[in-house]
């Protein structure tokens, strides 16, 4: 599953970063999940908690998971909007956007002027916001 691969990547990156900082143990990691990624947070959280046991320095780590809302800006009229202002997507459209967020341009239009020309300001990707540890 996609969530398991993401969880493993997050743990590996956190453990590597902790080693660079000379942390003996990771105590907390903040993870931001972009809304466009459509990550199942329940599965992702479960995967993090299961996989952390494979890394001695992360076995007691607490993962704080937050979803970063999607924000778009229309290049034609300058309107700024979020997912709540857009029409509901079909399951097929949502799946395409989940795997390739840039495909959102093919399925959505600016709610103010109808233009399909907009940029994704936030809400995509997976990132680590903070790493806390003990030396």
Foldseek 3Di string as FASTA:
>chain_A
DVLLVVLVVVLVVLVVVCVVVVFQAWAEWEKEAFVLLVDPVVVNLVSNQVVLVVPVRYNNHDYHYDYDFKWKAAPPPGDIDGPVLWDDDDPVQSVVSNVPVVCVLVVTAPSPPRHSHMDTPTRHDMDIPDIDGHD
